[in-house]
């Protein structure tokens, strides 16, 4: 994937995040987590190999692994942003 395409995808993603954030704001973490889990399951359900249940399951596992890896990369980035914006104090580790 080219840098330009990655950049465009990142911009589109941020636009969606900016729209979704106010919707989730004010709900407790359980409701936010359940909402995100539902959206993730809908995304995974859209990935399938026609007529092949085993390959569909393998594809979904691969997509979920990719997703979780990406989330792990984003956690310290978003934590630093939130800390810089004063949204919460740093967590003592």
PDB file of N, CA and C in Angstrom:
ATOM      1  N   UNK A   1       0.843  -1.168   0.000  1.00  0.00           N
ATOM      2  CA  UNK A   1       0.000   0.000   0.000  1.00  0.00           C
ATOM      3  C   UNK A   1       0.893   1.238   0.000  1.00  0.00           C
ATOM      4  N   UNK A   2       0.585   2.171  -0.862  1.00  0.00           N
ATOM      5  CA  UNK A   2       1.410   3.370  -0.989  1.00  0.00           C
ATOM      6  C   UNK A   2       1.211   4.300   0.210  1.00  0.00           C
ATOM      7  N   UNK A   3       2.186   5.159   0.410  1.00  0.00           N
ATOM      8  CA  UNK A   3       2.097   6.138   1.492  1.00  0.00           C
ATOM      9  C   UNK A   3       0.869   7.022   1.300  1.00  0.00           C
ATOM     10  N   UNK A   4       0.609   7.431   0.066  1.00  0.00           N
ATOM     11  CA  UNK A   4      -0.527   8.305  -0.222  1.00  0.00           C
ATOM     12  C   UNK A   4      -1.845   7.629   0.159  1.00  0.00           C
ATOM     13  N   UNK A   5      -1.993   6.363  -0.198  1.00  0.00           N
ATOM     14  CA  UNK A   5      -3.209   5.634   0.134  1.00  0.00           C
ATOM     15  C   UNK A   5      -3.347   5.459   1.646  1.00  0.00           C
ATOM     16  N   UNK A   6      -2.238   5.134   2.321  1.00  0.00           N
ATOM     17  CA  UNK A   6      -2.268   5.003   3.777  1.00  0.00           C
ATOM     18  C   UNK A   6      -2.684   6.322   4.429  1.00  0.00           C
ATOM     19  N   UNK A   7      -2.143   7.418   3.913  1.00  0.00           N
ATOM     20  CA  UNK A   7      -2.466   8.739   4.455  1.00  0.00           C
ATOM     21  C   UNK A   7      -3.950   9.057   4.252  1.00  0.00           C
ATOM     22  N   UNK A   8      -4.473   8.771   3.063  1.00  0.00           N
ATOM     23  CA  UNK A   8      -5.893   9.021   2.784  1.00  0.00           C
ATOM     24  C   UNK A   8      -6.783   8.185   3.707  1.00  0.00           C
ATOM     25  N   UNK A   9      -6.410   6.923   3.900  1.00  0.00           N
ATOM     26  CA  UNK A   9      -7.180   6.059   4.796  1.00  0.00           C
ATOM     27  C   UNK A   9      -7.129   6.586   6.224  1.00  0.00           C
ATOM     28  N   UNK A  10      -5.983   7.062   6.648  1.00  0.00           N
ATOM     29  CA  UNK A  10      -5.829   7.606   7.986  1.00  0.00           C
ATOM     30  C   UNK A  10      -6.711   8.840   8.171  1.00  0.00           C
ATOM     31  N   UNK A  11      -6.754   9.699   7.163  1.00  0.00           N
ATOM     32  CA  UNK A  11      -7.599  10.896   7.244  1.00  0.00           C
ATOM     33  C   UNK A  11      -9.076  10.525   7.313  1.00  0.00           C
ATOM     34  N   UNK A  12      -9.498   9.571   6.487  1.00  0.00           N
ATOM     35  CA  UNK A  12     -10.899   9.120   6.513  1.00  0.00           C
ATOM     36  C   UNK A  12     -11.239   8.498   7.858  1.00  0.00           C
ATOM     37  N   UNK A  13     -10.319   7.706   8.384  1.00  0.00           N
ATOM     38  CA  UNK A  13     -10.528   7.083   9.687  1.00  0.00           C
ATOM     39  C   UNK A  13     -10.684   8.151  10.762  1.00  0.00           C
ATOM     40  N   UNK A  14      -9.832   9.160  10.749  1.00  0.00           N
ATOM     41  CA  UNK A  14      -9.907  10.210  11.766  1.00  0.00           C
ATOM     42  C   UNK A  14     -11.221  10.975  11.667  1.00  0.00           C
ATOM     43  N   UNK A  15     -11.713  11.189  10.444  1.00  0.00           N
ATOM     44  CA  UNK A  15     -13.005  11.851  10.273  1.00  0.00           C
ATOM     45  C   UNK A  15     -14.121  11.046  10.948  1.00  0.00           C
ATOM     46  N   UNK A  16     -14.092   9.721  10.758  1.00  0.00           N
ATOM     47  CA  UNK A  16     -15.100   8.866  11.400  1.00  0.00           C
ATOM     48  C   UNK A  16     -14.954   8.882  12.917  1.00  0.00           C
ATOM     49  N   UNK A  17     -13.721   8.811  13.398  1.00  0.00           N
ATOM     50  CA  UNK A  17     -13.477   8.860  14.845  1.00  0.00           C
ATOM     51  C   UNK A  17     -14.027  10.166  15.416  1.00  0.00           C
ATOM     52  N   UNK A  18     -13.804  11.262  14.710  1.00  0.00           N
ATOM     53  CA  UNK A  18     -14.300  12.563  15.169  1.00  0.00           C
ATOM     54  C   UNK A  18     -15.832  12.594  15.224  1.00  0.00           C
ATOM     55  N   UNK A  19     -16.484  11.865  14.345  1.00  0.00           N
ATOM     56  CA  UNK A  19     -17.946  11.795  14.356  1.00  0.00           C
ATOM     57  C   UNK A  19     -18.464  10.865  15.457  1.00  0.00           C
ATOM     58  N   UNK A  20     -17.763   9.762  15.683  1.00  0.00           N
ATOM     59  CA  UNK A  20     -18.213   8.744  16.634  1.00  0.00           C
ATOM     60  C   UNK A  20     -17.926   9.141  18.082  1.00  0.00           C
ATOM     61  N   UNK A  21     -16.822   9.827  18.323  1.00  0.00           N
ATOM     62  CA  UNK A  21     -16.417  10.173  19.687  1.00  0.00           C
ATOM     63  C   UNK A  21     -17.518  10.876  20.474  1.00  0.00           C
ATOM     64  N   UNK A  22     -18.179  11.903  19.909  1.00  0.00           N
ATOM     65  CA  UNK A  22     -19.244  12.555  20.690  1.00  0.00           C
ATOM     66  C   UNK A  22     -20.419  11.623  20.999  1.00  0.00           C
ATOM     67  N   UNK A  23     -20.650  10.641  20.167  1.00  0.00           N
ATOM     68  CA  UNK A  23     -21.739   9.697  20.407  1.00  0.00           C
ATOM     69  C   UNK A  23     -21.411   8.820  21.615  1.00  0.00           C
ATOM     70  N   UNK A  24     -20.160   8.394  21.735  1.00  0.00           N
ATOM     71  CA  UNK A  24     -19.742   7.533  22.842  1.00  0.00           C
ATOM     72  C   UNK A  24     -19.512   8.315  24.134  1.00  0.00           C
ATOM     73  N   UNK A  25     -19.206   9.605  24.006  1.00  0.00           N
ATOM     74  CA  UNK A  25     -18.882  10.433  25.172  1.00  0.00           C
ATOM     75  C   UNK A  25     -20.026  10.403  26.187  1.00  0.00           C
ATOM     76  N   UNK A  26     -19.655  10.230  27.441  1.00  0.00           N
ATOM     77  CA  UNK A  26     -20.630  10.265  28.519  1.00  0.00           C
ATOM     78  C   UNK A  26     -21.208   8.906  28.878  1.00  0.00           C
ATOM     79  N   UNK A  27     -21.014   7.923  28.025  1.00  0.00           N
ATOM     80  CA  UNK A  27     -21.461   6.567  28.350  1.00  0.00           C
ATOM     81  C   UNK A  27     -20.347   5.875  29.131  1.00  0.00           C
ATOM     82  N   UNK A  28     -20.722   4.966  30.021  1.00  0.00           N
ATOM     83  CA  UNK A  28     -19.690   4.291  30.808  1.00  0.00           C
ATOM     84  C   UNK A  28     -18.883   3.341  29.916  1.00  0.00           C
ATOM     85  N   UNK A  29     -17.768   2.877  30.453  1.00  0.00           N
ATOM     86  CA  UNK A  29     -16.845   2.068  29.651  1.00  0.00           C
ATOM     87  C   UNK A  29     -17.470   0.759  29.185  1.00  0.00           C
ATOM     88  N   UNK A  30     -18.405   0.219  29.962  1.00  0.00           N
ATOM     89  CA  UNK A  30     -19.061  -1.028  29.558  1.00  0.00           C
ATOM     90  C   UNK A  30     -19.914  -0.823  28.306  1.00  0.00           C
ATOM     91  N   UNK A  31     -20.657   0.274  28.272  1.00  0.00           N
ATOM     92  CA  UNK A  31     -21.488   0.579  27.105  1.00  0.00           C
ATOM     93  C   UNK A  31     -20.598   0.893  25.903  1.00  0.00           C
ATOM     94  N   UNK A  32     -19.539   1.666  26.107  1.00  0.00           N
ATOM     95  CA  UNK A  32     -18.623   1.968  25.016  1.00  0.00           C
ATOM     96  C   UNK A  32     -17.997   0.694  24.472  1.00  0.00           C
ATOM     97  N   UNK A  33     -17.537  -0.181  25.375  1.00  0.00           N
ATOM     98  CA  UNK A  33     -16.913  -1.437  24.954  1.00  0.00           C
ATOM     99  C   UNK A  33     -17.877  -2.338  24.211  1.00  0.00           C
ATOM    100  N   UNK A  34     -19.107  -2.431  24.700  1.00  0.00           N
ATOM    101  CA  UNK A  34     -20.110  -3.258  24.028  1.00  0.00           C
ATOM    102  C   UNK A  34     -20.414  -2.719  22.635  1.00  0.00           C
ATOM    103  N   UNK A  35     -20.463  -1.393  22.510  1.00  0.00           N
ATOM    104  CA  UNK A  35     -20.719  -0.768  21.213  1.00  0.00           C
ATOM    105  C   UNK A  35     -19.589  -1.070  20.238  1.00  0.00           C
ATOM    106  N   UNK A  36     -18.359  -0.915  20.705  1.00  0.00           N
ATOM    107  CA  UNK A  36     -17.212  -1.187  19.849  1.00  0.00           C
ATOM    108  C   UNK A  36     -17.126  -2.666  19.476  1.00  0.00           C
ATOM    109  N   UNK A  37     -17.464  -3.542  20.432  1.00  0.00           N
ATOM    110  CA  UNK A  37     -17.467  -4.982  20.141  1.00  0.00           C
ATOM    111  C   UNK A  37     -18.510  -5.318  19.076  1.00  0.00           C
ATOM    112  N   UNK A  38     -19.675  -4.705  19.168  1.00  0.00           N
ATOM    113  CA  UNK A  38     -20.720  -4.943  18.172  1.00  0.00           C
ATOM    114  C   UNK A  38     -20.264  -4.476  16.797  1.00  0.00           C
ATOM    115  N   UNK A  39     -19.671  -3.291  16.738  1.00  0.00           N
ATOM    116  CA  UNK A  39     -19.168  -2.780  15.456  1.00  0.00           C
ATOM    117  C   UNK A  39     -18.066  -3.675  14.897  1.00  0.00           C
ATOM    118  N   UNK A  40     -17.167  -4.146  15.768  1.00  0.00           N
ATOM    119  CA  UNK A  40     -16.088  -5.029  15.335  1.00  0.00           C
ATOM    120  C   UNK A  40     -16.652  -6.340  14.792  1.00  0.00           C
ATOM    121  N   UNK A  41     -17.656  -6.882  15.470  1.00  0.00           N
ATOM    122  CA  UNK A  41     -18.236  -8.142  14.992  1.00  0.00           C
ATOM    123  C   UNK A  41     -18.934  -7.951  13.648  1.00  0.00           C
ATOM    124  N   UNK A  42     -19.539  -6.790  13.439  1.00  0.00           N
ATOM    125  CA  UNK A  42     -20.171  -6.500  12.146  1.00  0.00           C
ATOM    126  C   UNK A  42     -19.106  -6.410  11.050  1.00  0.00           C
ATOM    127  N   UNK A  43     -17.975  -5.786  11.377  1.00  0.00           N
ATOM    128  CA  UNK A  43     -16.875  -5.667  10.417  1.00  0.00           C
ATOM    129  C   UNK A  43     -16.336  -7.047  10.057  1.00  0.00           C
ATOM    130  N   UNK A  44     -16.136  -7.888  11.078  1.00  0.00           N
ATOM    131  CA  UNK A  44     -15.616  -9.235  10.826  1.00  0.00           C
ATOM    132  C   UNK A  44     -16.615 -10.084  10.035  1.00  0.00           C
ATOM    133  N   UNK A  45     -17.894  -9.931  10.317  1.00  0.00           N
ATOM    134  CA  UNK A  45     -18.917 -10.706   9.600  1.00  0.00           C
ATOM    135  C   UNK A  45     -18.905 -10.394   8.106  1.00  0.00           C
ATOM    136  N   UNK A  46     -18.416  -9.217   7.754  1.00  0.00           N
ATOM    137  CA  UNK A  46     -18.337  -8.832   6.343  1.00  0.00           C
ATOM    138  C   UNK A  46     -17.176  -9.452   5.592  1.00  0.00           C
ATOM    139  N   UNK A  47     -16.291 -10.121   6.304  1.00  0.00           N
ATOM    140  CA  UNK A  47     -15.154 -10.795   5.676  1.00  0.00           C
ATOM    141  C   UNK A  47     -15.463 -12.281   5.584  1.00  0.00           C
ATOM    142  N   UNK A  48     -15.587 -12.779   4.382  1.00  0.00           N
ATOM    143  CA  UNK A  48     -15.904 -14.193   4.212  1.00  0.00           C
ATOM    144  C   UNK A  48     -15.386 -14.712   2.882  1.00  0.00           C
ATOM    145  N   UNK A  49     -15.215 -16.014   2.827  1.00  0.00           N
ATOM    146  CA  UNK A  49     -14.831 -16.718   1.605  1.00  0.00           C
ATOM    147  C   UNK A  49     -16.056 -17.530   1.212  1.00  0.00           C
ATOM    148  N   UNK A  50     -16.671 -17.157   0.106  1.00  0.00           N
ATOM    149  CA  UNK A  50     -17.918 -17.807  -0.306  1.00  0.00           C
ATOM    150  C   UNK A  50     -17.779 -19.317  -0.385  1.00  0.00           C
ATOM    151  N   UNK A  51     -18.692 -20.003   0.285  1.00  0.00           N
ATOM    152  CA  UNK A  51     -18.741 -21.454   0.211  1.00  0.00           C
ATOM    153  C   UNK A  51     -17.673 -22.193   0.991  1.00  0.00           C
ATOM    154  N   UNK A  52     -16.895 -21.486   1.808  1.00  0.00           N
ATOM    155  CA  UNK A  52     -15.815 -22.151   2.535  1.00  0.00           C
ATOM    156  C   UNK A  52     -15.778 -21.653   3.974  1.00  0.00           C
ATOM    157  N   UNK A  53     -16.453 -22.379   4.851  1.00  0.00           N
ATOM    158  CA  UNK A  53     -16.564 -21.983   6.252  1.00  0.00           C
ATOM    159  C   UNK A  53     -15.199 -21.955   6.954  1.00  0.00           C
ATOM    160  N   UNK A  54     -14.360 -22.953   6.687  1.00  0.00           N
ATOM    161  CA  UNK A  54     -13.041 -23.007   7.345  1.00  0.00           C
ATOM    162  C   UNK A  54     -12.169 -21.820   6.941  1.00  0.00           C
ATOM    163  N   UNK A  55     -12.122 -21.530   5.648  1.00  0.00           N
ATOM    164  CA  UNK A  55     -11.311 -20.393   5.192  1.00  0.00           C
ATOM    165  C   UNK A  55     -11.908 -19.071   5.674  1.00  0.00           C
ATOM    166  N   UNK A  56     -13.230 -19.009   5.783  1.00  0.00           N
ATOM    167  CA  UNK A  56     -13.872 -17.808   6.328  1.00  0.00           C
ATOM    168  C   UNK A  56     -13.429 -17.590   7.762  1.00  0.00           C
ATOM    169  N   UNK A  57     -13.465 -18.656   8.566  1.00  0.00           N
ATOM    170  CA  UNK A  57     -13.050 -18.538   9.965  1.00  0.00           C
ATOM    171  C   UNK A  57     -11.576 -18.136  10.067  1.00  0.00           C
ATOM    172  N   UNK A  58     -10.736 -18.725   9.233  1.00  0.00           N
ATOM    173  CA  UNK A  58      -9.308 -18.382   9.235  1.00  0.00           C
ATOM    174  C   UNK A  58      -9.107 -16.917   8.843  1.00  0.00           C
ATOM    175  N   UNK A  59      -9.842 -16.466   7.846  1.00  0.00           N
ATOM    176  CA  UNK A  59      -9.742 -15.069   7.419  1.00  0.00           C
ATOM    177  C   UNK A  59     -10.158 -14.133   8.541  1.00  0.00           C
ATOM    178  N   UNK A  60     -11.254 -14.458   9.209  1.00  0.00           N
ATOM    179  CA  UNK A  60     -11.732 -13.613  10.308  1.00  0.00           C
ATOM    180  C   UNK A  60     -10.739 -13.594  11.470  1.00  0.00           C
ATOM    181  N   UNK A  61     -10.133 -14.734  11.764  1.00  0.00           N
ATOM    182  CA  UNK A  61      -9.109 -14.776  12.811  1.00  0.00           C
ATOM    183  C   UNK A  61      -7.921 -13.895  12.437  1.00  0.00           C
ATOM    184  N   UNK A  62      -7.524 -13.971  11.176  1.00  0.00           N
ATOM    185  CA  UNK A  62      -6.408 -13.152  10.694  1.00  0.00           C
ATOM    186  C   UNK A  62      -6.758 -11.663  10.792  1.00  0.00           C
ATOM    187  N   UNK A  63      -7.969 -11.297  10.398  1.00  0.00           N
ATOM    188  CA  UNK A  63      -8.389  -9.898  10.469  1.00  0.00           C
ATOM    189  C   UNK A  63      -8.467  -9.425  11.916  1.00  0.00           C
ATOM    190  N   UNK A  64      -8.967 -10.280  12.814  1.00  0.00           N
ATOM    191  CA  UNK A  64      -9.054  -9.919  14.221  1.00  0.00           C
ATOM    192  C   UNK A  64      -7.656  -9.745  14.821  1.00  0.00           C
ATOM    193  N   UNK A  65      -6.741 -10.641  14.499  1.00  0.00           N
ATOM    194  CA  UNK A  65      -5.357 -10.509  14.969  1.00  0.00           C
ATOM    195  C   UNK A  65      -4.742  -9.204  14.479  1.00  0.00           C
ATOM    196  N   UNK A  66      -4.945  -8.893  13.207  1.00  0.00           N
ATOM    197  CA  UNK A  66      -4.437  -7.636  12.635  1.00  0.00           C
ATOM    198  C   UNK A  66      -5.026  -6.450  13.394  1.00  0.00           C
ATOM    199  N   UNK A  67      -6.312  -6.506  13.634  1.00  0.00           N
ATOM    200  CA  UNK A  67      -6.991  -5.418  14.316  1.00  0.00           C
ATOM    201  C   UNK A  67      -6.436  -5.211  15.725  1.00  0.00           C
ATOM    202  N   UNK A  68      -6.319  -6.293  16.486  1.00  0.00           N
ATOM    203  CA  UNK A  68      -5.816  -6.196  17.861  1.00  0.00           C
ATOM    204  C   UNK A  68      -4.372  -5.683  17.866  1.00  0.00           C
ATOM    205  N   UNK A  69      -3.557  -6.144  16.926  1.00  0.00           N
ATOM    206  CA  UNK A  69      -2.185  -5.633  16.826  1.00  0.00           C
ATOM    207  C   UNK A  69      -2.185  -4.125  16.587  1.00  0.00           C
ATOM    208  N   UNK A  70      -3.068  -3.669  15.717  1.00  0.00           N
ATOM    209  CA  UNK A  70      -3.156  -2.240  15.406  1.00  0.00           C
ATOM    210  C   UNK A  70      -3.635  -1.447  16.627  1.00  0.00           C
ATOM    211  N   UNK A  71      -4.600  -1.990  17.342  1.00  0.00           N
ATOM    212  CA  UNK A  71      -5.085  -1.338  18.564  1.00  0.00           C
ATOM    213  C   UNK A  71      -3.937  -1.185  19.564  1.00  0.00           C
ATOM    214  N   UNK A  72      -3.138  -2.228  19.712  1.00  0.00           N
ATOM    215  CA  UNK A  72      -2.014  -2.173  20.662  1.00  0.00           C
ATOM    216  C   UNK A  72      -1.013  -1.090  20.276  1.00  0.00           C
ATOM    217  N   UNK A  73      -0.806  -0.885  18.995  1.00  0.00           N
ATOM    218  CA  UNK A  73       0.089   0.176  18.527  1.00  0.00           C
ATOM    219  C   UNK A  73      -0.496   1.544  18.868  1.00  0.00           C
ATOM    220  N   UNK A  74      -1.805   1.679  18.751  1.00  0.00           N
ATOM    221  CA  UNK A  74      -2.457   2.977  18.954  1.00  0.00           C
ATOM    222  C   UNK A  74      -2.636   3.361  20.420  1.00  0.00           C
ATOM    223  N   UNK A  75      -2.625   2.393  21.328  1.00  0.00           N
ATOM    224  CA  UNK A  75      -2.870   2.704  22.742  1.00  0.00           C
ATOM    225  C   UNK A  75      -1.886   3.746  23.285  1.00  0.00           C
ATOM    226  N   UNK A  76      -0.565   3.559  23.184  1.00  0.00           N
ATOM    227  CA  UNK A  76       0.329   4.577  23.762  1.00  0.00           C
ATOM    228  C   UNK A  76       0.230   5.922  23.047  1.00  0.00           C
ATOM    229  N   UNK A  77      -0.085   5.893  21.765  1.00  0.00           N
ATOM    230  CA  UNK A  77      -0.246   7.149  21.015  1.00  0.00           C
ATOM    231  C   UNK A  77      -1.441   7.914  21.557  1.00  0.00           C
ATOM    232  N   UNK A  78      -2.576   7.231  21.686  1.00  0.00           N
ATOM    233  CA  UNK A  78      -3.772   7.896  22.179  1.00  0.00           C
ATOM    234  C   UNK A  78      -3.662   8.272  23.652  1.00  0.00           C
ATOM    235  N   UNK A  79      -2.944   7.464  24.415  1.00  0.00           N
ATOM    236  CA  UNK A  79      -2.724   7.813  25.812  1.00  0.00           C
ATOM    237  C   UNK A  79      -1.919   9.113  25.917  1.00  0.00           C
ATOM    238  N   UNK A  80      -0.889   9.252  25.095  1.00  0.00           N
ATOM    239  CA  UNK A  80      -0.073  10.474  25.107  1.00  0.00           C
ATOM    240  C   UNK A  80      -0.898  11.687  24.674  1.00  0.00           C
ATOM    241  N   UNK A  81      -1.742  11.507  23.672  1.00  0.00           N
ATOM    242  CA  UNK A  81      -2.599  12.607  23.213  1.00  0.00           C
ATOM    243  C   UNK A  81      -3.548  13.027  24.326  1.00  0.00           C
ATOM    244  N   UNK A  82      -4.193  12.057  24.963  1.00  0.00           N
ATOM    245  CA  UNK A  82      -5.134  12.363  26.044  1.00  0.00           C
ATOM    246  C   UNK A  82      -4.424  13.052  27.207  1.00  0.00           C
ATOM    247  N   UNK A  83      -3.233  12.580  27.533  1.00  0.00           N
ATOM    248  CA  UNK A  83      -2.463  13.187  28.622  1.00  0.00           C
ATOM    249  C   UNK A  83      -2.092  14.621  28.267  1.00  0.00           C
ATOM    250  N   UNK A  84      -1.640  14.842  27.025  1.00  0.00           N
ATOM    251  CA  UNK A  84      -1.257  16.184  26.592  1.00  0.00           C
ATOM    252  C   UNK A  84      -2.451  17.146  26.585  1.00  0.00           C
ATOM    253  N   UNK A  85      -3.641  16.592  26.321  1.00  0.00           N
ATOM    254  CA  UNK A  85      -4.850  17.415  26.311  1.00  0.00           C
ATOM    255  C   UNK A  85      -5.446  17.560  27.707  1.00  0.00           C
ATOM    256  N   UNK A  86      -4.814  16.928  28.718  1.00  0.00           N
ATOM    257  CA  UNK A  86      -5.279  17.038  30.096  1.00  0.00           C
ATOM    258  C   UNK A  86      -6.551  16.260  30.382  1.00  0.00           C
ATOM    259  N   UNK A  87      -6.841  15.246  29.580  1.00  0.00           N
ATOM    260  CA  UNK A  87      -8.078  14.466  29.790  1.00  0.00           C
ATOM    261  C   UNK A  87      -7.951  13.486  30.940  1.00  0.00           C
ATOM    262  N   UNK A  88      -6.764  13.060  31.279  1.00  0.00           N
ATOM    263  CA  UNK A  88      -6.566  12.235  32.462  1.00  0.00           C
ATOM    264  C   UNK A  88      -5.099  12.279  32.862  1.00  0.00           C
ATOM    265  N   UNK A  89      -4.837  12.069  34.157  1.00  0.00           N
ATOM    266  CA  UNK A  89      -3.444  12.088  34.610  1.00  0.00           C
ATOM    267  C   UNK A  89      -2.705  10.848  34.138  1.00  0.00           C
ATOM    268  N   UNK A  90      -1.393  10.936  34.058  1.00  0.00           N
ATOM    269  CA  UNK A  90      -0.618   9.744  33.647  1.00  0.00           C
ATOM    270  C   UNK A  90      -0.821   8.620  34.632  1.00  0.00           C
ATOM    271  N   UNK A  91      -0.821   7.421  34.111  1.00  0.00           N
ATOM    272  CA  UNK A  91      -1.003   6.222  34.909  1.00  0.00           C
ATOM    273  C   UNK A  91       0.365   5.781  35.437  1.00  0.00           C
ATOM    274  N   UNK A  92       0.500   5.638  36.766  1.00  0.00           N
ATOM    275  CA  UNK A  92       1.794   5.178  37.288  1.00  0.00           C
ATOM    276  C   UNK A  92       2.016   3.708  36.948  1.00  0.00           C
ATOM    277  N   UNK A  93       3.103   3.410  36.307  1.00  0.00           N
ATOM    278  CA  UNK A  93       3.408   2.027  35.937  1.00  0.00           C
ATOM    279  C   UNK A  93       4.583   1.519  36.726  1.00  0.00           C
TER     280      UNK A  93
END
